[in-house]
N, C-alpha and C. Protein backbone atom coordinates (compact mmCIF):
# COMPACT_ATOMS: atom_id res chain seq x y z
N MET A 1 98.95 138.17 4.18
CA MET A 1 97.77 137.81 4.94
C MET A 1 98.18 137.53 6.38
N GLU A 2 97.45 138.09 7.31
CA GLU A 2 97.75 137.93 8.72
C GLU A 2 97.28 136.57 9.21
N LYS A 3 98.13 135.90 9.97
CA LYS A 3 97.77 134.59 10.52
C LYS A 3 96.93 134.78 11.78
N LYS A 4 95.80 134.09 11.84
CA LYS A 4 94.93 134.17 13.01
C LYS A 4 95.12 132.93 13.85
N THR A 5 95.19 133.13 15.14
CA THR A 5 95.35 132.00 16.05
C THR A 5 94.41 132.16 17.23
N GLY A 6 94.11 131.06 17.88
CA GLY A 6 93.34 131.11 19.11
C GLY A 6 91.86 131.31 18.91
N ILE A 7 91.24 131.87 19.93
CA ILE A 7 89.80 132.10 19.92
C ILE A 7 89.59 133.60 20.06
N LYS A 8 88.75 134.15 19.22
CA LYS A 8 88.49 135.58 19.26
C LYS A 8 87.01 135.80 19.53
N THR A 9 86.68 136.68 20.44
CA THR A 9 85.28 136.99 20.70
C THR A 9 84.84 138.12 19.78
N GLY A 10 83.57 138.36 19.70
CA GLY A 10 83.05 139.41 18.84
C GLY A 10 82.21 138.81 17.74
N ASP A 11 82.26 139.44 16.58
CA ASP A 11 81.47 138.99 15.45
C ASP A 11 81.95 137.66 14.89
N GLU A 12 83.24 137.40 15.02
CA GLU A 12 83.84 136.22 14.41
C GLU A 12 84.54 135.39 15.47
N VAL A 13 84.34 134.08 15.40
CA VAL A 13 85.03 133.16 16.29
C VAL A 13 85.95 132.30 15.44
N VAL A 14 87.24 132.35 15.74
CA VAL A 14 88.23 131.58 15.01
C VAL A 14 88.82 130.57 15.98
N MET A 15 88.79 129.30 15.61
CA MET A 15 89.33 128.27 16.49
C MET A 15 90.40 127.47 15.76
N ILE A 16 91.48 127.22 16.46
CA ILE A 16 92.53 126.31 16.00
C ILE A 16 92.84 125.40 17.17
N PRO A 17 93.47 124.26 16.94
CA PRO A 17 93.85 123.40 18.07
C PRO A 17 94.66 124.18 19.10
N MET A 18 94.34 124.00 20.39
CA MET A 18 95.00 124.73 21.46
C MET A 18 95.31 123.80 22.63
N SER A 19 96.33 124.15 23.40
CA SER A 19 96.73 123.38 24.57
C SER A 19 96.02 123.91 25.82
N ASN A 20 96.16 123.18 26.92
CA ASN A 20 95.61 123.64 28.20
C ASN A 20 96.18 125.00 28.59
N VAL A 21 97.48 125.20 28.39
CA VAL A 21 98.13 126.46 28.75
C VAL A 21 97.56 127.61 27.92
N GLN A 22 97.40 127.40 26.62
CA GLN A 22 96.84 128.44 25.76
C GLN A 22 95.40 128.76 26.13
N LEU A 23 94.63 127.74 26.45
CA LEU A 23 93.24 127.97 26.84
C LEU A 23 93.14 128.67 28.19
N ALA A 24 93.97 128.28 29.14
CA ALA A 24 93.98 128.95 30.44
C ALA A 24 94.30 130.43 30.25
N LYS A 25 95.26 130.73 29.39
CA LYS A 25 95.62 132.13 29.11
C LYS A 25 94.44 132.87 28.47
N ALA A 26 93.75 132.21 27.54
CA ALA A 26 92.60 132.83 26.88
C ALA A 26 91.49 133.14 27.88
N TYR A 27 91.30 132.25 28.85
CA TYR A 27 90.26 132.46 29.87
C TYR A 27 90.77 133.31 31.03
N ASN A 28 92.06 133.69 30.98
CA ASN A 28 92.68 134.54 31.99
C ASN A 28 92.60 133.91 33.39
N VAL A 29 92.89 132.61 33.44
CA VAL A 29 92.93 131.87 34.71
C VAL A 29 94.18 131.00 34.72
N GLY A 30 94.50 130.46 35.86
CA GLY A 30 95.61 129.53 35.97
C GLY A 30 95.27 128.18 35.37
N ILE A 31 96.30 127.41 35.11
CA ILE A 31 96.12 126.10 34.50
C ILE A 31 95.29 125.17 35.37
N LYS A 32 95.52 125.22 36.69
CA LYS A 32 94.74 124.35 37.60
C LYS A 32 93.26 124.73 37.59
N THR A 33 92.98 126.03 37.56
CA THR A 33 91.59 126.49 37.52
C THR A 33 90.93 126.02 36.23
N PHE A 34 91.62 126.18 35.12
CA PHE A 34 91.06 125.74 33.84
C PHE A 34 90.77 124.25 33.85
N ARG A 35 91.72 123.47 34.34
CA ARG A 35 91.51 122.01 34.40
C ARG A 35 90.32 121.66 35.29
N ASN A 36 90.15 122.39 36.40
CA ASN A 36 89.00 122.16 37.28
C ASN A 36 87.69 122.51 36.57
N TRP A 37 87.71 123.56 35.78
CA TRP A 37 86.50 123.97 35.05
C TRP A 37 86.05 122.90 34.06
N ILE A 38 87.00 122.27 33.37
CA ILE A 38 86.61 121.29 32.35
C ILE A 38 86.49 119.87 32.89
N ALA A 39 86.91 119.64 34.12
CA ALA A 39 86.89 118.29 34.71
C ALA A 39 85.52 117.61 34.61
N PRO A 40 84.41 118.31 34.90
CA PRO A 40 83.11 117.63 34.82
C PRO A 40 82.73 117.19 33.40
N TYR A 41 83.41 117.71 32.40
CA TYR A 41 83.06 117.43 31.00
C TYR A 41 84.10 116.57 30.28
N ARG A 42 85.04 115.99 31.01
CA ARG A 42 86.14 115.23 30.39
C ARG A 42 85.64 114.11 29.47
N ASP A 43 84.62 113.39 29.89
CA ASP A 43 84.10 112.30 29.04
C ASP A 43 83.54 112.83 27.73
N GLU A 44 82.85 113.96 27.81
CA GLU A 44 82.27 114.57 26.62
C GLU A 44 83.35 115.17 25.71
N ILE A 45 84.35 115.80 26.30
CA ILE A 45 85.43 116.45 25.54
C ILE A 45 86.34 115.40 24.90
N GLY A 46 86.67 114.39 25.63
CA GLY A 46 87.56 113.35 25.12
C GLY A 46 89.02 113.69 25.34
N ALA A 47 89.89 112.78 24.94
CA ALA A 47 91.33 112.96 25.13
C ALA A 47 91.89 113.91 24.08
N LYS A 48 92.92 114.66 24.48
CA LYS A 48 93.60 115.56 23.56
C LYS A 48 94.38 114.74 22.53
N THR A 49 94.61 115.35 21.39
CA THR A 49 95.47 114.77 20.37
C THR A 49 96.86 115.34 20.61
N GLY A 50 97.74 114.56 21.23
CA GLY A 50 99.04 115.09 21.64
C GLY A 50 98.85 116.12 22.73
N ARG A 51 99.34 117.33 22.52
CA ARG A 51 99.20 118.40 23.51
C ARG A 51 97.98 119.27 23.28
N TYR A 52 97.28 119.06 22.19
CA TYR A 52 96.24 119.99 21.77
C TYR A 52 94.85 119.38 21.74
N TYR A 53 93.87 120.24 22.04
CA TYR A 53 92.47 119.88 21.82
C TYR A 53 92.15 120.19 20.36
N THR A 54 91.33 119.36 19.75
CA THR A 54 90.91 119.60 18.36
C THR A 54 89.87 120.71 18.34
N VAL A 55 89.56 121.19 17.15
CA VAL A 55 88.55 122.23 17.00
C VAL A 55 87.20 121.74 17.52
N LYS A 56 86.86 120.49 17.23
CA LYS A 56 85.60 119.92 17.73
C LYS A 56 85.57 119.92 19.26
N GLN A 57 86.70 119.55 19.88
CA GLN A 57 86.78 119.56 21.34
C GLN A 57 86.66 120.99 21.87
N LEU A 58 87.25 121.96 21.17
CA LEU A 58 87.14 123.36 21.59
C LEU A 58 85.69 123.84 21.52
N GLN A 59 84.96 123.36 20.52
CA GLN A 59 83.55 123.72 20.42
C GLN A 59 82.79 123.22 21.65
N ILE A 60 83.08 122.01 22.08
CA ILE A 60 82.44 121.45 23.27
C ILE A 60 82.83 122.27 24.51
N ILE A 61 84.11 122.58 24.64
CA ILE A 61 84.58 123.36 25.80
C ILE A 61 83.88 124.71 25.85
N THR A 62 83.81 125.41 24.71
CA THR A 62 83.17 126.73 24.73
C THR A 62 81.67 126.64 24.95
N GLU A 63 81.04 125.54 24.54
CA GLU A 63 79.62 125.35 24.84
C GLU A 63 79.41 125.17 26.34
N LYS A 64 80.33 124.49 26.99
CA LYS A 64 80.18 124.17 28.41
C LYS A 64 80.58 125.31 29.33
N ILE A 65 81.71 125.98 29.04
CA ILE A 65 82.19 127.02 29.96
C ILE A 65 82.19 128.43 29.36
N GLY A 66 81.75 128.55 28.11
CA GLY A 66 81.65 129.85 27.47
C GLY A 66 82.87 130.20 26.64
N ILE A 67 82.72 131.25 25.84
CA ILE A 67 83.81 131.75 25.01
C ILE A 67 84.65 132.68 25.87
N PRO A 68 85.98 132.54 25.82
CA PRO A 68 86.83 133.40 26.65
C PRO A 68 86.71 134.86 26.22
N ARG A 69 86.81 135.75 27.18
CA ARG A 69 86.71 137.18 26.89
C ARG A 69 88.07 137.77 26.55
N ALA A 70 89.14 137.04 26.78
CA ALA A 70 90.49 137.56 26.50
C ALA A 70 90.72 137.67 25.00
N ASN A 71 91.33 138.74 24.59
CA ASN A 71 91.74 138.90 23.20
C ASN A 71 93.17 138.43 23.11
N LEU A 72 93.44 137.47 22.25
CA LEU A 72 94.77 136.89 22.16
C LEU A 72 95.67 137.65 21.20
N GLY A 73 95.31 138.87 20.86
CA GLY A 73 96.20 139.72 20.09
C GLY A 73 96.15 139.56 18.59
N PHE A 74 94.99 139.26 18.04
CA PHE A 74 94.90 139.20 16.59
C PHE A 74 93.69 139.96 16.15
């Protein structure tokens, strides 16, 4: 069975905990740009668990700034 990671656009959306770097890559922007995009929603998103955002936090991020168009190779 193939392991799925990240966020995939299309018919199916698969989410796993992701870091700022992984999300910036998915959105095809730099880390500073990604951080600026989510800055207005920090209170709503909440603090990361370690280095990663939880699936619930990713749902909030994608609601606010959209689903990334980048295919992460799965």
